[in-house]
Amino acid sequence: MSMIENEVPPAPRKKRKYVRKAKKPVRRAVREVTEPDAPEVVFPGLTETLCAAACGPDGCVISGNSYCGHPRKGGLQAGDIGNQDALRRIQQAMKQLGMKAMEKKYA
């Protein structure tokens, strides 16, 4: 008898079972939802499609000139972008309409 015959074969290894780890729940901060304040009415009659009530054939209240300065219809012309009063008026009109400050040219 040789040594090989006397040896006991090793026990078969047990296979590991794959256990999927549970994902930890993500904790997110809870924000309180507040009602947005109603925008201040600076230009009565101003809507998304209509000009303010004070606008007419003589000129526009927002631009202060003879062309329409409605934010949804065209806005200010290049010559009036340096006019601080016109900029303030168009920013107020945009705020009244609830527009986001996406348009960087008036910000």
PDB file of N, CA and C in Angstrom:
ATOM      1  N   MET A   1       0.818  -1.172   0.000  1.00  0.00           N
ATOM      2  CA  MET A   1       0.000   0.000   0.000  1.00  0.00           C
ATOM      3  C   MET A   1       0.868   1.244   0.000  1.00  0.00           C
ATOM      4  N   SER A   2       0.521   2.052  -0.835  1.00  0.00           N
ATOM      5  CA  SER A   2       1.265   3.297  -0.879  1.00  0.00           C
ATOM      6  C   SER A   2       0.513   4.367  -0.106  1.00  0.00           C
ATOM      7  N   MET A   3       1.141   5.452   0.076  1.00  0.00           N
ATOM      8  CA  MET A   3       0.534   6.522   0.855  1.00  0.00           C
ATOM      9  C   MET A   3      -0.671   7.125   0.152  1.00  0.00           C
ATOM     10  N   ILE A   4      -0.627   7.076  -1.111  1.00  0.00           N
ATOM     11  CA  ILE A   4      -1.713   7.684  -1.855  1.00  0.00           C
ATOM     12  C   ILE A   4      -3.000   6.910  -1.613  1.00  0.00           C
ATOM     13  N   GLU A   5      -2.913   5.629  -1.472  1.00  0.00           N
ATOM     14  CA  GLU A   5      -4.098   4.833  -1.258  1.00  0.00           C
ATOM     15  C   GLU A   5      -4.688   5.069   0.116  1.00  0.00           C
ATOM     16  N   ASN A   6      -3.847   5.407   1.104  1.00  0.00           N
ATOM     17  CA  ASN A   6      -4.328   5.602   2.466  1.00  0.00           C
ATOM     18  C   ASN A   6      -4.904   7.004   2.695  1.00  0.00           C
ATOM     19  N   GLU A   7      -4.605   7.904   1.804  1.00  0.00           N
ATOM     20  CA  GLU A   7      -5.088   9.267   2.010  1.00  0.00           C
ATOM     21  C   GLU A   7      -6.595   9.345   1.806  1.00  0.00           C
ATOM     22  N   VAL A   8      -7.165  10.198   2.623  1.00  0.00           N
ATOM     23  CA  VAL A   8      -8.597  10.430   2.520  1.00  0.00           C
ATOM     24  C   VAL A   8      -8.788  11.604   1.561  1.00  0.00           C
ATOM     25  N   PRO A   9      -9.643  11.462   0.599  1.00  0.00           N
ATOM     26  CA  PRO A   9      -9.837  12.574  -0.322  1.00  0.00           C
ATOM     27  C   PRO A   9     -10.430  13.767   0.427  1.00  0.00           C
ATOM     28  N   PRO A  10     -10.027  14.971   0.061  1.00  0.00           N
ATOM     29  CA  PRO A  10     -10.546  16.155   0.755  1.00  0.00           C
ATOM     30  C   PRO A  10     -12.057  16.277   0.519  1.00  0.00           C
ATOM     31  N   ALA A  11     -12.707  16.809   1.537  1.00  0.00           N
ATOM     32  CA  ALA A  11     -14.159  16.992   1.442  1.00  0.00           C
ATOM     33  C   ALA A  11     -14.456  18.077   0.411  1.00  0.00           C
ATOM     34  N   PRO A  12     -15.486  17.897  -0.391  1.00  0.00           N
ATOM     35  CA  PRO A  12     -15.793  18.932  -1.387  1.00  0.00           C
ATOM     36  C   PRO A  12     -16.191  20.225  -0.692  1.00  0.00           C
ATOM     37  N   ARG A  13     -15.714  21.301  -1.255  1.00  0.00           N
ATOM     38  CA  ARG A  13     -16.030  22.618  -0.685  1.00  0.00           C
ATOM     39  C   ARG A  13     -17.481  22.952  -0.951  1.00  0.00           C
ATOM     40  N   LYS A  14     -18.055  23.631   0.019  1.00  0.00           N
ATOM     41  CA  LYS A  14     -19.419  24.093  -0.173  1.00  0.00           C
ATOM     42  C   LYS A  14     -19.364  25.366  -1.002  1.00  0.00           C
ATOM     43  N   LYS A  15     -20.258  25.443  -1.965  1.00  0.00           N
ATOM     44  CA  LYS A  15     -20.300  26.643  -2.790  1.00  0.00           C
ATOM     45  C   LYS A  15     -21.011  27.747  -2.032  1.00  0.00           C
ATOM     46  N   ARG A  16     -20.455  28.924  -2.161  1.00  0.00           N
ATOM     47  CA  ARG A  16     -21.083  30.082  -1.524  1.00  0.00           C
ATOM     48  C   ARG A  16     -22.313  30.474  -2.306  1.00  0.00           C
ATOM     49  N   LYS A  17     -23.327  30.848  -1.591  1.00  0.00           N
ATOM     50  CA  LYS A  17     -24.508  31.384  -2.251  1.00  0.00           C
ATOM     51  C   LYS A  17     -24.327  32.882  -2.378  1.00  0.00           C
ATOM     52  N   TYR A  18     -24.693  33.393  -3.533  1.00  0.00           N
ATOM     53  CA  TYR A  18     -24.609  34.838  -3.735  1.00  0.00           C
ATOM     54  C   TYR A  18     -25.800  35.472  -3.047  1.00  0.00           C
ATOM     55  N   VAL A  19     -25.496  36.379  -2.152  1.00  0.00           N
ATOM     56  CA  VAL A  19     -26.554  37.084  -1.436  1.00  0.00           C
ATOM     57  C   VAL A  19     -26.503  38.543  -1.874  1.00  0.00           C
ATOM     58  N   ARG A  20     -27.597  38.986  -2.431  1.00  0.00           N
ATOM     59  CA  ARG A  20     -27.661  40.368  -2.883  1.00  0.00           C
ATOM     60  C   ARG A  20     -27.831  41.272  -1.669  1.00  0.00           C
ATOM     61  N   LYS A  21     -26.992  42.257  -1.602  1.00  0.00           N
ATOM     62  CA  LYS A  21     -27.079  43.188  -0.480  1.00  0.00           C
ATOM     63  C   LYS A  21     -28.233  44.147  -0.717  1.00  0.00           C
ATOM     64  N   ALA A  22     -28.963  44.387   0.298  1.00  0.00           N
ATOM     65  CA  ALA A  22     -30.081  45.326   0.191  1.00  0.00           C
ATOM     66  C   ALA A  22     -29.531  46.738   0.122  1.00  0.00           C
ATOM     67  N   LYS A  23     -30.110  47.527  -0.753  1.00  0.00           N
ATOM     68  CA  LYS A  23     -29.665  48.913  -0.867  1.00  0.00           C
ATOM     69  C   LYS A  23     -30.177  49.697   0.321  1.00  0.00           C
ATOM     70  N   LYS A  24     -29.320  50.550   0.798  1.00  0.00           N
ATOM     71  CA  LYS A  24     -29.721  51.394   1.916  1.00  0.00           C
ATOM     72  C   LYS A  24     -30.671  52.468   1.399  1.00  0.00           C
ATOM     73  N   PRO A  25     -31.704  52.759   2.149  1.00  0.00           N
ATOM     74  CA  PRO A  25     -32.619  53.814   1.690  1.00  0.00           C
ATOM     75  C   PRO A  25     -31.915  55.163   1.702  1.00  0.00           C
ATOM     76  N   VAL A  26     -32.194  55.928   0.686  1.00  0.00           N
ATOM     77  CA  VAL A  26     -31.585  57.253   0.563  1.00  0.00           C
ATOM     78  C   VAL A  26     -32.441  58.235   1.341  1.00  0.00           C
ATOM     79  N   ARG A  27     -31.815  58.913   2.240  1.00  0.00           N
ATOM     80  CA  ARG A  27     -32.531  59.922   3.015  1.00  0.00           C
ATOM     81  C   ARG A  27     -32.383  61.258   2.321  1.00  0.00           C
ATOM     82  N   ARG A  28     -33.500  61.837   2.044  1.00  0.00           N
ATOM     83  CA  ARG A  28     -33.486  63.136   1.393  1.00  0.00           C
ATOM     84  C   ARG A  28     -34.147  64.144   2.310  1.00  0.00           C
ATOM     85  N   ALA A  29     -33.651  65.336   2.228  1.00  0.00           N
ATOM     86  CA  ALA A  29     -34.217  66.398   3.055  1.00  0.00           C
ATOM     87  C   ALA A  29     -35.620  66.727   2.542  1.00  0.00           C
ATOM     88  N   VAL A  30     -36.512  66.922   3.444  1.00  0.00           N
ATOM     89  CA  VAL A  30     -37.881  67.252   3.081  1.00  0.00           C
ATOM     90  C   VAL A  30     -38.011  68.762   3.065  1.00  0.00           C
ATOM     91  N   ARG A  31     -38.419  69.264   1.907  1.00  0.00           N
ATOM     92  CA  ARG A  31     -38.606  70.706   1.788  1.00  0.00           C
ATOM     93  C   ARG A  31     -40.062  71.036   2.024  1.00  0.00           C
ATOM     94  N   GLU A  32     -40.258  72.115   2.693  1.00  0.00           N
ATOM     95  CA  GLU A  32     -41.625  72.575   2.889  1.00  0.00           C
ATOM     96  C   GLU A  32     -42.053  73.339   1.639  1.00  0.00           C
ATOM     97  N   VAL A  33     -43.178  72.980   1.131  1.00  0.00           N
ATOM     98  CA  VAL A  33     -43.697  73.637  -0.058  1.00  0.00           C
ATOM     99  C   VAL A  33     -44.491  74.850   0.394  1.00  0.00           C
ATOM    100  N   THR A  34     -44.069  75.990  -0.079  1.00  0.00           N
ATOM    101  CA  THR A  34     -44.761  77.219   0.287  1.00  0.00           C
ATOM    102  C   THR A  34     -45.445  77.776  -0.948  1.00  0.00           C
ATOM    103  N   GLU A  35     -46.507  78.418  -0.724  1.00  0.00           N
ATOM    104  CA  GLU A  35     -47.231  79.051  -1.824  1.00  0.00           C
ATOM    105  C   GLU A  35     -46.446  80.277  -2.288  1.00  0.00           C
ATOM    106  N   PRO A  36     -46.210  80.398  -3.588  1.00  0.00           N
ATOM    107  CA  PRO A  36     -45.501  81.588  -4.058  1.00  0.00           C
ATOM    108  C   PRO A  36     -46.374  82.829  -3.867  1.00  0.00           C
ATOM    109  N   ASP A  37     -45.711  83.891  -3.531  1.00  0.00           N
ATOM    110  CA  ASP A  37     -46.437  85.145  -3.360  1.00  0.00           C
ATOM    111  C   ASP A  37     -46.999  85.590  -4.705  1.00  0.00           C
ATOM    112  N   ALA A  38     -48.172  86.154  -4.654  1.00  0.00           N
ATOM    113  CA  ALA A  38     -48.766  86.664  -5.881  1.00  0.00           C
ATOM    114  C   ALA A  38     -47.917  87.831  -6.377  1.00  0.00           C
ATOM    115  N   PRO A  39     -47.591  87.833  -7.659  1.00  0.00           N
ATOM    116  CA  PRO A  39     -46.753  88.919  -8.167  1.00  0.00           C
ATOM    117  C   PRO A  39     -47.472  90.264  -8.049  1.00  0.00           C
ATOM    118  N   GLU A  40     -46.685  91.261  -7.765  1.00  0.00           N
ATOM    119  CA  GLU A  40     -47.210  92.612  -7.618  1.00  0.00           C
ATOM    120  C   GLU A  40     -47.661  93.118  -8.994  1.00  0.00           C
ATOM    121  N   VAL A  41     -48.842  93.693  -9.047  1.00  0.00           N
ATOM    122  CA  VAL A  41     -49.362  94.213 -10.318  1.00  0.00           C
ATOM    123  C   VAL A  41     -48.837  95.627 -10.513  1.00  0.00           C
ATOM    124  N   VAL A  42     -47.852  95.747 -11.380  1.00  0.00           N
ATOM    125  CA  VAL A  42     -47.258  97.045 -11.685  1.00  0.00           C
ATOM    126  C   VAL A  42     -47.895  97.608 -12.947  1.00  0.00           C
ATOM    127  N   PHE A  43     -48.196  96.713 -13.890  1.00  0.00           N
ATOM    128  CA  PHE A  43     -48.794  97.109 -15.160  1.00  0.00           C
ATOM    129  C   PHE A  43     -50.173  96.454 -15.261  1.00  0.00           C
ATOM    130  N   PRO A  44     -51.246  97.154 -14.877  1.00  0.00           N
ATOM    131  CA  PRO A  44     -52.578  96.552 -14.950  1.00  0.00           C
ATOM    132  C   PRO A  44     -52.941  96.179 -16.383  1.00  0.00           C
ATOM    133  N   GLY A  45     -53.544  95.006 -16.529  1.00  0.00           N
ATOM    134  CA  GLY A  45     -53.967  94.539 -17.847  1.00  0.00           C
ATOM    135  C   GLY A  45     -52.917  93.735 -18.588  1.00  0.00           C
ATOM    136  N   LEU A  46     -51.708  93.654 -18.073  1.00  0.00           N
ATOM    137  CA  LEU A  46     -50.631  92.924 -18.742  1.00  0.00           C
ATOM    138  C   LEU A  46     -50.846  91.423 -18.563  1.00  0.00           C
ATOM    139  N   THR A  47     -50.931  90.694 -19.684  1.00  0.00           N
ATOM    140  CA  THR A  47     -51.043  89.243 -19.649  1.00  0.00           C
ATOM    141  C   THR A  47     -49.993  88.658 -20.578  1.00  0.00           C
ATOM    142  N   GLU A  48     -50.009  87.327 -20.730  1.00  0.00           N
ATOM    143  CA  GLU A  48     -49.046  86.670 -21.608  1.00  0.00           C
ATOM    144  C   GLU A  48     -49.199  87.123 -23.060  1.00  0.00           C
ATOM    145  N   THR A  49     -50.405  87.471 -23.463  1.00  0.00           N
ATOM    146  CA  THR A  49     -50.635  87.835 -24.873  1.00  0.00           C
ATOM    147  C   THR A  49     -51.038  89.285 -25.082  1.00  0.00           C
ATOM    148  N   LEU A  50     -51.555  89.949 -24.046  1.00  0.00           N
ATOM    149  CA  LEU A  50     -52.028  91.321 -24.197  1.00  0.00           C
ATOM    150  C   LEU A  50     -51.083  92.306 -23.530  1.00  0.00           C
ATOM    151  N   CYS A  51     -50.982  93.484 -24.124  1.00  0.00           N
ATOM    152  CA  CYS A  51     -50.168  94.554 -23.546  1.00  0.00           C
ATOM    153  C   CYS A  51     -50.897  95.166 -22.360  1.00  0.00           C
ATOM    154  N   ALA A  52     -50.184  95.986 -21.620  1.00  0.00           N
ATOM    155  CA  ALA A  52     -50.769  96.663 -20.465  1.00  0.00           C
ATOM    156  C   ALA A  52     -51.854  97.631 -20.925  1.00  0.00           C
ATOM    157  N   ALA A  53     -52.731  97.974 -19.990  1.00  0.00           N
ATOM    158  CA  ALA A  53     -53.849  98.859 -20.325  1.00  0.00           C
ATOM    159  C   ALA A  53     -53.367 100.256 -20.715  1.00  0.00           C
ATOM    160  N   ALA A  54     -52.234 100.686 -20.183  1.00  0.00           N
ATOM    161  CA  ALA A  54     -51.740 102.036 -20.463  1.00  0.00           C
ATOM    162  C   ALA A  54     -51.017 102.132 -21.808  1.00  0.00           C
ATOM    163  N   CYS A  55     -50.747 100.996 -22.446  1.00  0.00           N
ATOM    164  CA  CYS A  55     -50.100 101.028 -23.763  1.00  0.00           C
ATOM    165  C   CYS A  55     -51.109 101.439 -24.823  1.00  0.00           C
ATOM    166  N   GLY A  56     -50.633 102.072 -25.833  1.00  0.00           N
ATOM    167  CA  GLY A  56     -51.530 102.510 -26.902  1.00  0.00           C
ATOM    168  C   GLY A  56     -50.747 102.898 -28.130  1.00  0.00           C
ATOM    169  N   PRO A  57     -51.393 103.597 -29.058  1.00  0.00           N
ATOM    170  CA  PRO A  57     -50.711 103.984 -30.292  1.00  0.00           C
ATOM    171  C   PRO A  57     -49.596 105.003 -30.057  1.00  0.00           C
ATOM    172  N   ASP A  58     -49.652 105.718 -28.940  1.00  0.00           N
ATOM    173  CA  ASP A  58     -48.604 106.707 -28.658  1.00  0.00           C
ATOM    174  C   ASP A  58     -47.311 106.051 -28.182  1.00  0.00           C
ATOM    175  N   GLY A  59     -47.397 104.887 -27.583  1.00  0.00           N
ATOM    176  CA  GLY A  59     -46.195 104.227 -27.113  1.00  0.00           C
ATOM    177  C   GLY A  59     -46.489 103.137 -26.099  1.00  0.00           C
ATOM    178  N   CYS A  60     -45.419 102.543 -25.659  1.00  0.00           N
ATOM    179  CA  CYS A  60     -45.499 101.423 -24.722  1.00  0.00           C
ATOM    180  C   CYS A  60     -45.048 101.879 -23.340  1.00  0.00           C
ATOM    181  N   VAL A  61     -45.731 101.390 -22.319  1.00  0.00           N
ATOM    182  CA  VAL A  61     -45.373 101.741 -20.942  1.00  0.00           C
ATOM    183  C   VAL A  61     -44.049 101.093 -20.554  1.00  0.00           C
ATOM    184  N   ILE A  62     -43.809  99.878 -21.030  1.00  0.00           N
ATOM    185  CA  ILE A  62     -42.608  99.135 -20.625  1.00  0.00           C
ATOM    186  C   ILE A  62     -41.361  99.725 -21.273  1.00  0.00           C
ATOM    187  N   SER A  63     -41.391  99.925 -22.582  1.00  0.00           N
ATOM    188  CA  SER A  63     -40.197 100.441 -23.249  1.00  0.00           C
ATOM    189  C   SER A  63     -40.046 101.941 -23.079  1.00  0.00           C
ATOM    190  N   GLY A  64     -41.166 102.640 -22.931  1.00  0.00           N
ATOM    191  CA  GLY A  64     -41.107 104.088 -22.831  1.00  0.00           C
ATOM    192  C   GLY A  64     -40.937 104.757 -24.186  1.00  0.00           C
ATOM    193  N   ASN A  65     -41.034 104.004 -25.261  1.00  0.00           N
ATOM    194  CA  ASN A  65     -40.883 104.513 -26.628  1.00  0.00           C
ATOM    195  C   ASN A  65     -42.086 104.111 -27.464  1.00  0.00           C
ATOM    196  N   SER A  66     -41.976 104.317 -28.757  1.00  0.00           N
ATOM    197  CA  SER A  66     -43.106 104.052 -29.641  1.00  0.00           C
ATOM    198  C   SER A  66     -43.231 102.572 -30.042  1.00  0.00           C
ATOM    199  N   TYR A  67     -42.297 101.724 -29.662  1.00  0.00           N
ATOM    200  CA  TYR A  67     -42.397 100.306 -29.998  1.00  0.00           C
ATOM    201  C   TYR A  67     -42.821  99.500 -28.764  1.00  0.00           C
ATOM    202  N   CYS A  68     -43.347  98.299 -28.995  1.00  0.00           N
ATOM    203  CA  CYS A  68     -43.845  97.440 -27.911  1.00  0.00           C
ATOM    204  C   CYS A  68     -42.671  96.770 -27.203  1.00  0.00           C
ATOM    205  N   GLY A  69     -42.666  96.865 -25.890  1.00  0.00           N
ATOM    206  CA  GLY A  69     -41.601  96.246 -25.105  1.00  0.00           C
ATOM    207  C   GLY A  69     -42.095  95.061 -24.298  1.00  0.00           C
ATOM    208  N   HIS A  70     -43.232  94.475 -24.685  1.00  0.00           N
ATOM    209  CA  HIS A  70     -43.795  93.316 -23.987  1.00  0.00           C
ATOM    210  C   HIS A  70     -42.766  92.180 -23.988  1.00  0.00           C
ATOM    211  N   PRO A  71     -42.499  91.549 -22.833  1.00  0.00           N
ATOM    212  CA  PRO A  71     -41.465  90.509 -22.771  1.00  0.00           C
ATOM    213  C   PRO A  71     -41.724  89.317 -23.688  1.00  0.00           C
ATOM    214  N   ARG A  72     -42.980  88.978 -23.948  1.00  0.00           N
ATOM    215  CA  ARG A  72     -43.303  87.835 -24.807  1.00  0.00           C
ATOM    216  C   ARG A  72     -43.426  88.222 -26.284  1.00  0.00           C
ATOM    217  N   LYS A  73     -43.452  89.495 -26.568  1.00  0.00           N
ATOM    218  CA  LYS A  73     -43.639  89.928 -27.953  1.00  0.00           C
ATOM    219  C   LYS A  73     -42.365  90.447 -28.605  1.00  0.00           C
ATOM    220  N   GLY A  74     -41.340  90.660 -27.874  1.00  0.00           N
ATOM    221  CA  GLY A  74     -40.119  91.155 -28.501  1.00  0.00           C
ATOM    222  C   GLY A  74     -39.151  91.769 -27.521  1.00  0.00           C
ATOM    223  N   GLY A  75     -39.654  92.373 -26.473  1.00  0.00           N
ATOM    224  CA  GLY A  75     -38.768  92.957 -25.483  1.00  0.00           C
ATOM    225  C   GLY A  75     -38.170  94.278 -25.920  1.00  0.00           C
ATOM    226  N   LEU A  76     -37.074  94.617 -25.296  1.00  0.00           N
ATOM    227  CA  LEU A  76     -36.415  95.889 -25.584  1.00  0.00           C
ATOM    228  C   LEU A  76     -35.526  95.776 -26.808  1.00  0.00           C
ATOM    229  N   GLN A  77     -35.372  96.889 -27.495  1.00  0.00           N
ATOM    230  CA  GLN A  77     -34.444  96.935 -28.613  1.00  0.00           C
ATOM    231  C   GLN A  77     -33.033  97.155 -28.070  1.00  0.00           C
ATOM    232  N   ALA A  78     -32.049  96.911 -28.897  1.00  0.00           N
ATOM    233  CA  ALA A  78     -30.657  96.971 -28.465  1.00  0.00           C
ATOM    234  C   ALA A  78     -30.268  98.349 -27.929  1.00  0.00           C
ATOM    235  N   GLY A  79     -30.836  99.385 -28.472  1.00  0.00           N
ATOM    236  CA  GLY A  79     -30.498 100.733 -28.031  1.00  0.00           C
ATOM    237  C   GLY A  79     -30.994 101.056 -26.631  1.00  0.00           C
ATOM    238  N   ASP A  80     -32.017 100.356 -26.178  1.00  0.00           N
ATOM    239  CA  ASP A  80     -32.587 100.635 -24.859  1.00  0.00           C
ATOM    240  C   ASP A  80     -32.079  99.708 -23.757  1.00  0.00           C
ATOM    241  N   ILE A  81     -31.205  98.784 -24.089  1.00  0.00           N
ATOM    242  CA  ILE A  81     -30.706  97.878 -23.053  1.00  0.00           C
ATOM    243  C   ILE A  81     -29.835  98.639 -22.056  1.00  0.00           C
ATOM    244  N   GLY A  82     -29.258  99.739 -22.446  1.00  0.00           N
ATOM    245  CA  GLY A  82     -28.476 100.563 -21.527  1.00  0.00           C
ATOM    246  C   GLY A  82     -29.324 101.504 -20.684  1.00  0.00           C
ATOM    247  N   ASN A  83     -30.601 101.618 -20.986  1.00  0.00           N
ATOM    248  CA  ASN A  83     -31.510 102.500 -20.258  1.00  0.00           C
ATOM    249  C   ASN A  83     -31.971 101.794 -18.980  1.00  0.00           C
ATOM    250  N   GLN A  84     -31.532 102.285 -17.820  1.00  0.00           N
ATOM    251  CA  GLN A  84     -31.830 101.621 -16.548  1.00  0.00           C
ATOM    252  C   GLN A  84     -33.320 101.618 -16.220  1.00  0.00           C
ATOM    253  N   ASP A  85     -34.025 102.692 -16.554  1.00  0.00           N
ATOM    254  CA  ASP A  85     -35.465 102.747 -16.277  1.00  0.00           C
ATOM    255  C   ASP A  85     -36.221 101.707 -17.103  1.00  0.00           C
ATOM    256  N   ALA A  86     -35.862 101.572 -18.377  1.00  0.00           N
ATOM    257  CA  ALA A  86     -36.515 100.581 -19.240  1.00  0.00           C
ATOM    258  C   ALA A  86     -36.197  99.166 -18.769  1.00  0.00           C
ATOM    259  N   LEU A  87     -34.969  98.937 -18.329  1.00  0.00           N
ATOM    260  CA  LEU A  87     -34.595  97.622 -17.801  1.00  0.00           C
ATOM    261  C   LEU A  87     -35.398  97.281 -16.549  1.00  0.00           C
ATOM    262  N   ARG A  88     -35.544  98.254 -15.680  1.00  0.00           N
ATOM    263  CA  ARG A  88     -36.313  98.031 -14.441  1.00  0.00           C
ATOM    264  C   ARG A  88     -37.766  97.711 -14.777  1.00  0.00           C
ATOM    265  N   ARG A  89     -38.335  98.430 -15.743  1.00  0.00           N
ATOM    266  CA  ARG A  89     -39.735  98.194 -16.122  1.00  0.00           C
ATOM    267  C   ARG A  89     -39.930  96.820 -16.755  1.00  0.00           C
ATOM    268  N   ILE A  90     -39.000  96.387 -17.615  1.00  0.00           N
ATOM    269  CA  ILE A  90     -39.170  95.078 -18.246  1.00  0.00           C
ATOM    270  C   ILE A  90     -38.964  93.958 -17.230  1.00  0.00           C
ATOM    271  N   GLN A  91     -38.080  94.156 -16.257  1.00  0.00           N
ATOM    272  CA  GLN A  91     -37.906  93.155 -15.201  1.00  0.00           C
ATOM    273  C   GLN A  91     -39.161  93.046 -14.341  1.00  0.00           C
ATOM    274  N   GLN A  92     -39.805  94.180 -14.071  1.00  0.00           N
ATOM    275  CA  GLN A  92     -41.063  94.156 -13.321  1.00  0.00           C
ATOM    276  C   GLN A  92     -42.152  93.454 -14.125  1.00  0.00           C
ATOM    277  N   ALA A  93     -42.190  93.698 -15.428  1.00  0.00           N
ATOM    278  CA  ALA A  93     -43.187  93.040 -16.276  1.00  0.00           C
ATOM    279  C   ALA A  93     -42.948  91.537 -16.326  1.00  0.00           C
ATOM    280  N   MET A  94     -41.683  91.117 -16.411  1.00  0.00           N
ATOM    281  CA  MET A  94     -41.365  89.698 -16.419  1.00  0.00           C
ATOM    282  C   MET A  94     -41.753  89.048 -15.097  1.00  0.00           C
ATOM    283  N   LYS A  95     -41.516  89.739 -14.014  1.00  0.00           N
ATOM    284  CA  LYS A  95     -41.892  89.224 -12.700  1.00  0.00           C
ATOM    285  C   LYS A  95     -43.410  89.117 -12.590  1.00  0.00           C
ATOM    286  N   GLN A  96     -44.127  90.096 -13.109  1.00  0.00           N
ATOM    287  CA  GLN A  96     -45.579  90.077 -13.061  1.00  0.00           C
ATOM    288  C   GLN A  96     -46.132  88.908 -13.885  1.00  0.00           C
ATOM    289  N   LEU A  97     -45.499  88.589 -14.997  1.00  0.00           N
ATOM    290  CA  LEU A  97     -45.948  87.479 -15.831  1.00  0.00           C
ATOM    291  C   LEU A  97     -45.494  86.126 -15.290  1.00  0.00           C
ATOM    292  N   GLY A  98     -44.616  86.136 -14.305  1.00  0.00           N
ATOM    293  CA  GLY A  98     -44.134  84.884 -13.722  1.00  0.00           C
ATOM    294  C   GLY A  98     -43.067  84.213 -14.550  1.00  0.00           C
ATOM    295  N   MET A  99     -42.374  84.996 -15.357  1.00  0.00           N
ATOM    296  CA  MET A  99     -41.312  84.435 -16.184  1.00  0.00           C
ATOM    297  C   MET A  99     -40.085  84.193 -15.334  1.00  0.00           C
ATOM    298  N   LYS A 100     -39.379  83.126 -15.638  1.00  0.00           N
ATOM    299  CA  LYS A 100     -38.120  82.828 -14.966  1.00  0.00           C
ATOM    300  C   LYS A 100     -37.044  83.752 -15.527  1.00  0.00           C
ATOM    301  N   ALA A 101     -35.998  83.923 -14.765  1.00  0.00           N
ATOM    302  CA  ALA A 101     -34.912  84.808 -15.213  1.00  0.00           C
ATOM    303  C   ALA A 101     -34.003  84.048 -16.167  1.00  0.00           C
ATOM    304  N   MET A 102     -34.574  83.443 -17.203  1.00  0.00           N
ATOM    305  CA  MET A 102     -33.789  82.713 -18.179  1.00  0.00           C
ATOM    306  C   MET A 102     -33.095  83.672 -19.135  1.00  0.00           C
ATOM    307  N   GLU A 103     -33.764  84.740 -19.393  1.00  0.00           N
ATOM    308  CA  GLU A 103     -33.225  85.684 -20.347  1.00  0.00           C
ATOM    309  C   GLU A 103     -32.168  86.540 -19.676  1.00  0.00           C
ATOM    310  N   LYS A 104     -30.926  86.218 -19.921  1.00  0.00           N
ATOM    311  CA  LYS A 104     -29.813  86.898 -19.270  1.00  0.00           C
ATOM    312  C   LYS A 104     -29.626  88.317 -19.769  1.00  0.00           C
ATOM    313  N   LYS A 105     -30.192  88.647 -20.937  1.00  0.00           N
ATOM    314  CA  LYS A 105     -29.930  89.971 -21.483  1.00  0.00           C
ATOM    315  C   LYS A 105     -30.621  91.075 -20.689  1.00  0.00           C
ATOM    316  N   TYR A 106     -31.630  90.727 -19.887  1.00  0.00           N
ATOM    317  CA  TYR A 106     -32.308  91.725 -19.078  1.00  0.00           C
ATOM    318  C   TYR A 106     -31.984  91.580 -17.600  1.00  0.00           C
ATOM    319  N   ALA A 107     -31.181  90.603 -17.230  1.00  0.00           N
ATOM    320  CA  ALA A 107     -30.875  90.387 -15.811  1.00  0.00           C
ATOM    321  C   ALA A 107     -29.742  91.249 -15.344  1.00  0.00           C
TER     322      ALA A 107
END
